[in-house]
């Protein structure tokens, strides 16, 4: 969980700097690390794959929207 907290900080920093791909990757890493931490509670360990992909896609869309919102505010 220590590493997950560090990655959270890197995610926030990437979002603040409008780094879309980096933000998406860090969100995926957070989801993966969290999944590893609770994997013993699931019967199907492959369920971590859609969770990681969802984290990447969700963060990508959110930061992309944030960036476009910044551009349109003049």
PDB file of N, CA and C in Angstrom:
ATOM      1  N   UNK A   1       0.824  -1.194   0.000  1.00  0.00           N
ATOM      2  CA  UNK A   1       0.000   0.000   0.000  1.00  0.00           C
ATOM      3  C   UNK A   1       0.872   1.262   0.000  1.00  0.00           C
ATOM      4  N   UNK A   2       2.072   1.156   0.538  1.00  0.00           N
ATOM      5  CA  UNK A   2       3.005   2.278   0.512  1.00  0.00           C
ATOM      6  C   UNK A   2       3.273   2.712  -0.926  1.00  0.00           C
ATOM      7  N   UNK A   3       3.532   1.737  -1.788  1.00  0.00           N
ATOM      8  CA  UNK A   3       3.806   2.037  -3.201  1.00  0.00           C
ATOM      9  C   UNK A   3       2.570   2.617  -3.875  1.00  0.00           C
ATOM     10  N   UNK A   4       1.397   2.110  -3.511  1.00  0.00           N
ATOM     11  CA  UNK A   4       0.151   2.633  -4.087  1.00  0.00           C
ATOM     12  C   UNK A   4      -0.016   4.112  -3.741  1.00  0.00           C
ATOM     13  N   UNK A   5       0.327   4.504  -2.523  1.00  0.00           N
ATOM     14  CA  UNK A   5       0.238   5.919  -2.140  1.00  0.00           C
ATOM     15  C   UNK A   5       1.208   6.777  -2.947  1.00  0.00           C
ATOM     16  N   UNK A   6       2.389   6.264  -3.203  1.00  0.00           N
ATOM     17  CA  UNK A   6       3.352   7.006  -4.031  1.00  0.00           C
ATOM     18  C   UNK A   6       2.788   7.184  -5.446  1.00  0.00           C
ATOM     19  N   UNK A   7       2.205   6.118  -5.977  1.00  0.00           N
ATOM     20  CA  UNK A   7       1.648   6.185  -7.329  1.00  0.00           C
ATOM     21  C   UNK A   7       0.466   7.151  -7.376  1.00  0.00           C
ATOM     22  N   UNK A   8      -0.318   7.223  -6.309  1.00  0.00           N
ATOM     23  CA  UNK A   8      -1.406   8.211  -6.247  1.00  0.00           C
ATOM     24  C   UNK A   8      -0.848   9.623  -6.404  1.00  0.00           C
ATOM     25  N   UNK A   9       0.255   9.904  -5.745  1.00  0.00           N
ATOM     26  CA  UNK A   9       0.884  11.222  -5.848  1.00  0.00           C
ATOM     27  C   UNK A   9       1.340  11.487  -7.278  1.00  0.00           C
ATOM     28  N   UNK A  10       1.925  10.483  -7.915  1.00  0.00           N
ATOM     29  CA  UNK A  10       2.364  10.641  -9.298  1.00  0.00           C
ATOM     30  C   UNK A  10       1.180  10.857 -10.230  1.00  0.00           C
ATOM     31  N   UNK A  11       0.063  10.193  -9.949  1.00  0.00           N
ATOM     32  CA  UNK A  11      -1.150  10.391 -10.746  1.00  0.00           C
ATOM     33  C   UNK A  11      -1.641  11.833 -10.634  1.00  0.00           C
ATOM     34  N   UNK A  12      -1.730  12.328  -9.417  1.00  0.00           N
ATOM     35  CA  UNK A  12      -2.206  13.702  -9.205  1.00  0.00           C
ATOM     36  C   UNK A  12      -1.292  14.702  -9.899  1.00  0.00           C
ATOM     37  N   UNK A  13       0.013  14.491  -9.793  1.00  0.00           N
ATOM     38  CA  UNK A  13       0.971  15.385 -10.441  1.00  0.00           C
ATOM     39  C   UNK A  13       0.808  15.340 -11.964  1.00  0.00           C
ATOM     40  N   UNK A  14       0.617  14.151 -12.523  1.00  0.00           N
ATOM     41  CA  UNK A  14       0.440  14.025 -13.974  1.00  0.00           C
ATOM     42  C   UNK A  14      -0.843  14.715 -14.429  1.00  0.00           C
ATOM     43  N   UNK A  15      -1.913  14.575 -13.648  1.00  0.00           N
ATOM     44  CA  UNK A  15      -3.175  15.242 -14.002  1.00  0.00           C
ATOM     45  C   UNK A  15      -3.013  16.751 -13.951  1.00  0.00           C
ATOM     46  N   UNK A  16      -2.350  17.257 -12.921  1.00  0.00           N
ATOM     47  CA  UNK A  16      -2.148  18.706 -12.801  1.00  0.00           C
ATOM     48  C   UNK A  16      -1.331  19.259 -13.961  1.00  0.00           C
ATOM     49  N   UNK A  17      -0.426  18.436 -14.491  1.00  0.00           N
ATOM     50  CA  UNK A  17       0.420  18.878 -15.599  1.00  0.00           C
ATOM     51  C   UNK A  17      -0.179  18.529 -16.970  1.00  0.00           C
ATOM     52  N   UNK A  18      -1.455  18.088 -16.982  1.00  0.00           N
ATOM     53  CA  UNK A  18      -2.174  17.770 -18.224  1.00  0.00           C
ATOM     54  C   UNK A  18      -1.461  16.714 -19.063  1.00  0.00           C
ATOM     55  N   UNK A  19      -0.871  15.741 -18.417  1.00  0.00           N
ATOM     56  CA  UNK A  19      -0.199  14.635 -19.113  1.00  0.00           C
ATOM     57  C   UNK A  19      -1.188  13.471 -19.223  1.00  0.00           C
ATOM     58  N   UNK A  20      -1.858  13.386 -20.356  1.00  0.00           N
ATOM     59  CA  UNK A  20      -2.977  12.461 -20.538  1.00  0.00           C
ATOM     60  C   UNK A  20      -2.535  11.005 -20.446  1.00  0.00           C
ATOM     61  N   UNK A  21      -1.554  10.620 -21.229  1.00  0.00           N
ATOM     62  CA  UNK A  21      -1.119   9.215 -21.234  1.00  0.00           C
ATOM     63  C   UNK A  21      -0.510   8.839 -19.891  1.00  0.00           C
ATOM     64  N   UNK A  22       0.340   9.687 -19.342  1.00  0.00           N
ATOM     65  CA  UNK A  22       0.956   9.388 -18.046  1.00  0.00           C
ATOM     66  C   UNK A  22      -0.108   9.224 -16.965  1.00  0.00           C
ATOM     67  N   UNK A  23      -1.111  10.104 -16.962  1.00  0.00           N
ATOM     68  CA  UNK A  23      -2.196  10.008 -15.980  1.00  0.00           C
ATOM     69  C   UNK A  23      -2.934   8.686 -16.117  1.00  0.00           C
ATOM     70  N   UNK A  24      -3.206   8.312 -17.339  1.00  0.00           N
ATOM     71  CA  UNK A  24      -3.929   7.070 -17.594  1.00  0.00           C
ATOM     72  C   UNK A  24      -3.122   5.852 -17.160  1.00  0.00           C
ATOM     73  N   UNK A  25      -1.832   5.893 -17.423  1.00  0.00           N
ATOM     74  CA  UNK A  25      -0.971   4.783 -17.005  1.00  0.00           C
ATOM     75  C   UNK A  25      -0.912   4.693 -15.493  1.00  0.00           C
ATOM     76  N   UNK A  26      -0.735   5.828 -14.809  1.00  0.00           N
ATOM     77  CA  UNK A  26      -0.677   5.801 -13.338  1.00  0.00           C
ATOM     78  C   UNK A  26      -1.989   5.298 -12.746  1.00  0.00           C
ATOM     79  N   UNK A  27      -3.113   5.669 -13.339  1.00  0.00           N
ATOM     80  CA  UNK A  27      -4.411   5.172 -12.846  1.00  0.00           C
ATOM     81  C   UNK A  27      -4.498   3.658 -13.015  1.00  0.00           C
ATOM     82  N   UNK A  28      -3.979   3.161 -14.124  1.00  0.00           N
ATOM     83  CA  UNK A  28      -3.964   1.721 -14.350  1.00  0.00           C
ATOM     84  C   UNK A  28      -3.069   1.014 -13.340  1.00  0.00           C
ATOM     85  N   UNK A  29      -1.928   1.611 -13.051  1.00  0.00           N
ATOM     86  CA  UNK A  29      -1.006   1.021 -12.066  1.00  0.00           C
ATOM     87  C   UNK A  29      -1.651   0.981 -10.687  1.00  0.00           C
ATOM     88  N   UNK A  30      -2.344   2.054 -10.313  1.00  0.00           N
ATOM     89  CA  UNK A  30      -3.040   2.084  -9.020  1.00  0.00           C
ATOM     90  C   UNK A  30      -4.069   0.969  -8.947  1.00  0.00           C
ATOM     91  N   UNK A  31      -4.837   0.815 -10.011  1.00  0.00           N
ATOM     92  CA  UNK A  31      -5.849  -0.243 -10.033  1.00  0.00           C
ATOM     93  C   UNK A  31      -5.203  -1.614  -9.957  1.00  0.00           C
ATOM     94  N   UNK A  32      -4.110  -1.804 -10.670  1.00  0.00           N
ATOM     95  CA  UNK A  32      -3.406  -3.080 -10.626  1.00  0.00           C
ATOM     96  C   UNK A  32      -2.889  -3.366  -9.216  1.00  0.00           C
ATOM     97  N   UNK A  33      -2.241  -2.385  -8.606  1.00  0.00           N
ATOM     98  CA  UNK A  33      -1.702  -2.582  -7.253  1.00  0.00           C
ATOM     99  C   UNK A  33      -2.814  -2.857  -6.246  1.00  0.00           C
ATOM    100  N   UNK A  34      -3.914  -2.134  -6.379  1.00  0.00           N
ATOM    101  CA  UNK A  34      -5.060  -2.380  -5.496  1.00  0.00           C
ATOM    102  C   UNK A  34      -5.631  -3.765  -5.735  1.00  0.00           C
ATOM    103  N   UNK A  35      -5.678  -4.171  -6.991  1.00  0.00           N
ATOM    104  CA  UNK A  35      -6.167  -5.503  -7.328  1.00  0.00           C
ATOM    105  C   UNK A  35      -5.295  -6.602  -6.743  1.00  0.00           C
ATOM    106  N   UNK A  36      -3.990  -6.390  -6.798  1.00  0.00           N
ATOM    107  CA  UNK A  36      -3.068  -7.358  -6.218  1.00  0.00           C
ATOM    108  C   UNK A  36      -3.272  -7.442  -4.708  1.00  0.00           C
ATOM    109  N   UNK A  37      -3.555  -6.303  -4.096  1.00  0.00           N
ATOM    110  CA  UNK A  37      -3.747  -6.282  -2.641  1.00  0.00           C
ATOM    111  C   UNK A  37      -4.993  -7.053  -2.218  1.00  0.00           C
ATOM    112  N   UNK A  38      -6.025  -7.102  -3.071  1.00  0.00           N
ATOM    113  CA  UNK A  38      -7.273  -7.777  -2.682  1.00  0.00           C
ATOM    114  C   UNK A  38      -7.561  -9.029  -3.502  1.00  0.00           C
ATOM    115  N   UNK A  39      -6.573  -9.475  -4.276  1.00  0.00           N
ATOM    116  CA  UNK A  39      -6.800 -10.596  -5.190  1.00  0.00           C
ATOM    117  C   UNK A  39      -7.221 -11.871  -4.457  1.00  0.00           C
ATOM    118  N   UNK A  40      -6.872 -11.991  -3.230  1.00  0.00           N
ATOM    119  CA  UNK A  40      -7.243 -13.194  -2.479  1.00  0.00           C
ATOM    120  C   UNK A  40      -8.750 -13.252  -2.205  1.00  0.00           C
ATOM    121  N   UNK A  41      -9.461 -12.139  -2.404  1.00  0.00           N
ATOM    122  CA  UNK A  41     -10.901 -12.102  -2.157  1.00  0.00           C
ATOM    123  C   UNK A  41     -11.728 -12.491  -3.372  1.00  0.00           C
ATOM    124  N   UNK A  42     -11.089 -12.650  -4.535  1.00  0.00           N
ATOM    125  CA  UNK A  42     -11.845 -12.963  -5.747  1.00  0.00           C
ATOM    126  C   UNK A  42     -11.593 -14.400  -6.175  1.00  0.00           C
ATOM    127  N   UNK A  43     -12.540 -14.971  -6.880  1.00  0.00           N
ATOM    128  CA  UNK A  43     -12.377 -16.320  -7.403  1.00  0.00           C
ATOM    129  C   UNK A  43     -11.719 -16.313  -8.780  1.00  0.00           C
ATOM    130  N   UNK A  44     -11.827 -15.213  -9.492  1.00  0.00           N
ATOM    131  CA  UNK A  44     -11.281 -15.121 -10.839  1.00  0.00           C
ATOM    132  C   UNK A  44     -10.253 -13.995 -10.888  1.00  0.00           C
ATOM    133  N   UNK A  45      -8.987 -14.350 -10.869  1.00  0.00           N
ATOM    134  CA  UNK A  45      -7.921 -13.353 -10.845  1.00  0.00           C
ATOM    135  C   UNK A  45      -7.824 -12.549 -12.137  1.00  0.00           C
ATOM    136  N   UNK A  46      -8.405 -13.049 -13.214  1.00  0.00           N
ATOM    137  CA  UNK A  46      -8.367 -12.325 -14.479  1.00  0.00           C
ATOM    138  C   UNK A  46      -9.259 -11.087 -14.470  1.00  0.00           C
ATOM    139  N   UNK A  47     -10.101 -10.943 -13.467  1.00  0.00           N
ATOM    140  CA  UNK A  47     -10.973  -9.771 -13.372  1.00  0.00           C
ATOM    141  C   UNK A  47     -10.188  -8.482 -13.177  1.00  0.00           C
ATOM    142  N   UNK A  48      -8.908  -8.600 -12.836  1.00  0.00           N
ATOM    143  CA  UNK A  48      -8.084  -7.402 -12.677  1.00  0.00           C
ATOM    144  C   UNK A  48      -7.831  -6.733 -14.037  1.00  0.00           C
ATOM    145  N   UNK A  49      -7.868  -7.505 -15.122  1.00  0.00           N
ATOM    146  CA  UNK A  49      -7.588  -6.951 -16.453  1.00  0.00           C
ATOM    147  C   UNK A  49      -8.618  -5.900 -16.869  1.00  0.00           C
ATOM    148  N   UNK A  50      -9.929  -6.178 -16.825  1.00  0.00           N
ATOM    149  CA  UNK A  50     -10.871  -5.113 -17.189  1.00  0.00           C
ATOM    150  C   UNK A  50     -10.836  -3.935 -16.213  1.00  0.00           C
ATOM    151  N   UNK A  51     -10.493  -4.198 -14.961  1.00  0.00           N
ATOM    152  CA  UNK A  51     -10.393  -3.097 -13.999  1.00  0.00           C
ATOM    153  C   UNK A  51      -9.259  -2.156 -14.376  1.00  0.00           C
ATOM    154  N   UNK A  52      -8.116  -2.713 -14.758  1.00  0.00           N
ATOM    155  CA  UNK A  52      -6.966  -1.891 -15.161  1.00  0.00           C
ATOM    156  C   UNK A  52      -7.284  -1.130 -16.450  1.00  0.00           C
ATOM    157  N   UNK A  53      -7.888  -1.806 -17.417  1.00  0.00           N
ATOM    158  CA  UNK A  53      -8.247  -1.138 -18.672  1.00  0.00           C
ATOM    159  C   UNK A  53      -9.283  -0.033 -18.438  1.00  0.00           C
ATOM    160  N   UNK A  54     -10.220  -0.293 -17.545  1.00  0.00           N
ATOM    161  CA  UNK A  54     -11.218   0.721 -17.208  1.00  0.00           C
ATOM    162  C   UNK A  54     -10.593   1.936 -16.538  1.00  0.00           C
ATOM    163  N   UNK A  55      -9.624   1.695 -15.667  1.00  0.00           N
ATOM    164  CA  UNK A  55      -8.933   2.809 -15.004  1.00  0.00           C
ATOM    165  C   UNK A  55      -8.185   3.655 -16.024  1.00  0.00           C
ATOM    166  N   UNK A  56      -7.523   2.994 -16.966  1.00  0.00           N
ATOM    167  CA  UNK A  56      -6.798   3.719 -18.005  1.00  0.00           C
ATOM    168  C   UNK A  56      -7.762   4.563 -18.840  1.00  0.00           C
ATOM    169  N   UNK A  57      -8.815   3.932 -19.330  1.00  0.00           N
ATOM    170  CA  UNK A  57      -9.762   4.626 -20.200  1.00  0.00           C
ATOM    171  C   UNK A  57     -10.477   5.764 -19.480  1.00  0.00           C
ATOM    172  N   UNK A  58     -10.910   5.520 -18.268  1.00  0.00           N
ATOM    173  CA  UNK A  58     -11.614   6.549 -17.508  1.00  0.00           C
ATOM    174  C   UNK A  58     -10.750   7.762 -17.226  1.00  0.00           C
ATOM    175  N   UNK A  59      -9.499   7.522 -16.842  1.00  0.00           N
ATOM    176  CA  UNK A  59      -8.595   8.634 -16.570  1.00  0.00           C
ATOM    177  C   UNK A  59      -8.248   9.365 -17.861  1.00  0.00           C
ATOM    178  N   UNK A  60      -8.037   8.628 -18.935  1.00  0.00           N
ATOM    179  CA  UNK A  60      -7.717   9.242 -20.228  1.00  0.00           C
ATOM    180  C   UNK A  60      -8.820  10.212 -20.642  1.00  0.00           C
ATOM    181  N   UNK A  61     -10.047   9.750 -20.588  1.00  0.00           N
ATOM    182  CA  UNK A  61     -11.181  10.583 -20.992  1.00  0.00           C
ATOM    183  C   UNK A  61     -11.316  11.794 -20.062  1.00  0.00           C
ATOM    184  N   UNK A  62     -11.153  11.585 -18.765  1.00  0.00           N
ATOM    185  CA  UNK A  62     -11.290  12.684 -17.797  1.00  0.00           C
ATOM    186  C   UNK A  62     -10.245  13.763 -18.007  1.00  0.00           C
ATOM    187  N   UNK A  63      -8.987  13.368 -18.173  1.00  0.00           N
ATOM    188  CA  UNK A  63      -7.921  14.359 -18.346  1.00  0.00           C
ATOM    189  C   UNK A  63      -8.039  15.022 -19.710  1.00  0.00           C
ATOM    190  N   UNK A  64      -8.422  14.263 -20.730  1.00  0.00           N
ATOM    191  CA  UNK A  64      -8.628  14.842 -22.066  1.00  0.00           C
ATOM    192  C   UNK A  64      -9.731  15.909 -22.004  1.00  0.00           C
ATOM    193  N   UNK A  65     -10.819  15.609 -21.308  1.00  0.00           N
ATOM    194  CA  UNK A  65     -11.910  16.573 -21.142  1.00  0.00           C
ATOM    195  C   UNK A  65     -11.422  17.803 -20.380  1.00  0.00           C
ATOM    196  N   UNK A  66     -10.628  17.583 -19.332  1.00  0.00           N
ATOM    197  CA  UNK A  66     -10.084  18.694 -18.546  1.00  0.00           C
ATOM    198  C   UNK A  66      -9.210  19.584 -19.420  1.00  0.00           C
ATOM    199  N   UNK A  67      -8.412  18.978 -20.265  1.00  0.00           N
ATOM    200  CA  UNK A  67      -7.529  19.738 -21.149  1.00  0.00           C
ATOM    201  C   UNK A  67      -8.337  20.544 -22.160  1.00  0.00           C
ATOM    202  N   UNK A  68      -9.353  19.940 -22.742  1.00  0.00           N
ATOM    203  CA  UNK A  68     -10.197  20.670 -23.699  1.00  0.00           C
ATOM    204  C   UNK A  68     -10.953  21.801 -23.010  1.00  0.00           C
ATOM    205  N   UNK A  69     -11.367  21.561 -21.786  1.00  0.00           N
ATOM    206  CA  UNK A  69     -12.068  22.597 -21.020  1.00  0.00           C
ATOM    207  C   UNK A  69     -11.137  23.787 -20.775  1.00  0.00           C
ATOM    208  N   UNK A  70      -9.868  23.522 -20.504  1.00  0.00           N
ATOM    209  CA  UNK A  70      -8.882  24.574 -20.285  1.00  0.00           C
ATOM    210  C   UNK A  70      -8.669  25.383 -21.559  1.00  0.00           C
ATOM    211  N   UNK A  71      -8.614  24.699 -22.695  1.00  0.00           N
ATOM    212  CA  UNK A  71      -8.358  25.359 -23.979  1.00  0.00           C
ATOM    213  C   UNK A  71      -9.516  26.289 -24.344  1.00  0.00           C
ATOM    214  N   UNK A  72     -10.754  25.882 -24.073  1.00  0.00           N
ATOM    215  CA  UNK A  72     -11.912  26.667 -24.451  1.00  0.00           C
ATOM    216  C   UNK A  72     -12.150  27.850 -23.540  1.00  0.00           C
ATOM    217  N   UNK A  73     -11.534  27.848 -22.333  1.00  0.00           N
ATOM    218  CA  UNK A  73     -11.628  28.999 -21.438  1.00  0.00           C
ATOM    219  C   UNK A  73     -10.572  30.014 -21.814  1.00  0.00           C
ATOM    220  N   UNK A  74     -10.978  31.084 -22.419  1.00  0.00           N
ATOM    221  CA  UNK A  74     -10.014  32.095 -22.859  1.00  0.00           C
ATOM    222  C   UNK A  74     -10.117  33.327 -22.008  1.00  0.00           C
TER     223      UNK A  74
END
